[in-house]
Amino acid sequence: MQAEDSSPPPRSFSRFYESTAVPHSLFDLTGRVALVSGAAQGIGGSMSLVFAEAGAEVMLADIN
């Protein structure tokens, strides 16, 4: 059994990490795939975290 990782989120996402809790009954993406362009920062970074927390497999794309 592995110990749960309690390390903080990556610095670039730390400001978004606390605000991404979404009730699964309202926004369940289990078994779906989300392709997020512009995922390095801003809205794309925030949405990629929200989609992942909602259960989606997330593919990220960005030029930066």
C-alpha atoms as a PDB file:
ATOM      1  CA  MET A   1       0.000   0.000   0.000  1.00  0.00           C
ATOM      2  CA  GLN A   2       1.383   3.393  -0.972  1.00  0.00           C
ATOM      3  CA  ALA A   3       1.340   6.391   1.327  1.00  0.00           C
ATOM      4  CA  GLU A   4      -0.855   9.252   0.188  1.00  0.00           C
ATOM      5  CA  ASP A   5       1.140  12.114  -1.312  1.00  0.00           C
ATOM      6  CA  SER A   6       0.587  15.230   0.777  1.00  0.00           C
ATOM      7  CA  SER A   7       2.888  17.487  -1.239  1.00  0.00           C
ATOM      8  CA  PRO A   8       1.447  20.826  -2.378  1.00  0.00           C
ATOM      9  CA  PRO A   9       0.221  21.198  -5.975  1.00  0.00           C
ATOM     10  CA  PRO A  10       2.650  22.535  -8.603  1.00  0.00           C
ATOM     11  CA  ARG A  11       3.359  26.223  -8.075  1.00  0.00           C
ATOM     12  CA  SER A  12       1.790  27.258 -11.391  1.00  0.00           C
ATOM     13  CA  PHE A  13      -1.571  25.753 -10.366  1.00  0.00           C
ATOM     14  CA  SER A  14      -1.492  26.614  -6.654  1.00  0.00           C
ATOM     15  CA  ARG A  15      -3.788  29.636  -7.002  1.00  0.00           C
ATOM     16  CA  PHE A  16      -6.401  27.519  -8.800  1.00  0.00           C
ATOM     17  CA  TYR A  17      -6.130  24.402  -6.646  1.00  0.00           C
ATOM     18  CA  GLU A  18      -8.374  25.493  -3.756  1.00  0.00           C
ATOM     19  CA  SER A  19     -11.212  26.795  -5.935  1.00  0.00           C
ATOM     20  CA  THR A  20     -11.768  23.745  -8.151  1.00  0.00           C
ATOM     21  CA  ALA A  21     -13.987  21.609  -5.902  1.00  0.00           C
ATOM     22  CA  VAL A  22     -17.025  20.669  -7.979  1.00  0.00           C
ATOM     23  CA  PRO A  23     -19.868  18.476  -6.687  1.00  0.00           C
ATOM     24  CA  HIS A  24     -19.842  15.285  -8.757  1.00  0.00           C
ATOM     25  CA  SER A  25     -23.621  15.119  -8.849  1.00  0.00           C
ATOM     26  CA  LEU A  26     -23.689  18.310 -10.924  1.00  0.00           C
ATOM     27  CA  PHE A  27     -20.626  17.819 -13.107  1.00  0.00           C
ATOM     28  CA  ASP A  28     -19.656  14.165 -13.620  1.00  0.00           C
ATOM     29  CA  LEU A  29     -17.316  13.465 -16.534  1.00  0.00           C
ATOM     30  CA  THR A  30     -16.322   9.936 -15.576  1.00  0.00           C
ATOM     31  CA  GLY A  31     -15.428   7.939 -18.684  1.00  0.00           C
ATOM     32  CA  ARG A  32     -15.132  11.012 -20.909  1.00  0.00           C
ATOM     33  CA  VAL A  33     -12.114  12.687 -22.515  1.00  0.00           C
ATOM     34  CA  ALA A  34     -11.478  16.441 -22.343  1.00  0.00           C
ATOM     35  CA  LEU A  35      -9.026  18.123 -24.737  1.00  0.00           C
ATOM     36  CA  VAL A  36      -7.897  21.466 -23.306  1.00  0.00           C
ATOM     37  CA  SER A  37      -5.952  23.894 -25.494  1.00  0.00           C
ATOM     38  CA  GLY A  38      -4.105  26.728 -23.793  1.00  0.00           C
ATOM     39  CA  ALA A  39      -3.644  24.541 -20.714  1.00  0.00           C
ATOM     40  CA  ALA A  40      -0.381  26.092 -19.497  1.00  0.00           C
ATOM     41  CA  GLN A  41      -2.030  28.964 -17.661  1.00  0.00           C
ATOM     42  CA  GLY A  42      -5.164  31.019 -17.110  1.00  0.00           C
ATOM     43  CA  ILE A  43      -8.603  29.640 -17.931  1.00  0.00           C
ATOM     44  CA  GLY A  44      -7.164  26.592 -19.708  1.00  0.00           C
ATOM     45  CA  GLY A  45      -5.110  25.671 -16.634  1.00  0.00           C
ATOM     46  CA  SER A  46      -8.091  26.078 -14.347  1.00  0.00           C
ATOM     47  CA  MET A  47     -10.436  24.099 -16.566  1.00  0.00           C
ATOM     48  CA  SER A  48      -7.983  21.228 -16.960  1.00  0.00           C
ATOM     49  CA  LEU A  49      -7.965  20.809 -13.172  1.00  0.00           C
ATOM     50  CA  VAL A  50     -11.758  21.016 -12.949  1.00  0.00           C
ATOM     51  CA  PHE A  51     -12.193  18.422 -15.709  1.00  0.00           C
ATOM     52  CA  ALA A  52      -9.709  16.064 -14.038  1.00  0.00           C
ATOM     53  CA  GLU A  53     -11.417  16.408 -10.660  1.00  0.00           C
ATOM     54  CA  ALA A  54     -14.765  15.691 -12.329  1.00  0.00           C
ATOM     55  CA  GLY A  55     -13.387  12.344 -13.533  1.00  0.00           C
ATOM     56  CA  ALA A  56     -12.409  13.045 -17.141  1.00  0.00           C
ATOM     57  CA  GLU A  57      -9.252  11.811 -18.818  1.00  0.00           C
ATOM     58  CA  VAL A  58      -7.585  15.125 -19.702  1.00  0.00           C
ATOM     59  CA  MET A  59      -5.366  15.788 -22.730  1.00  0.00           C
ATOM     60  CA  LEU A  60      -3.466  19.075 -22.468  1.00  0.00           C
ATOM     61  CA  ALA A  61      -2.126  21.197 -25.328  1.00  0.00           C
ATOM     62  CA  ASP A  62      -0.220  24.469 -25.309  1.00  0.00           C
ATOM     63  CA  ILE A  63       2.505  26.234 -27.257  1.00  0.00           C
ATOM     64  CA  ASN A  64       4.257  27.697 -24.195  1.00  0.00           C
END
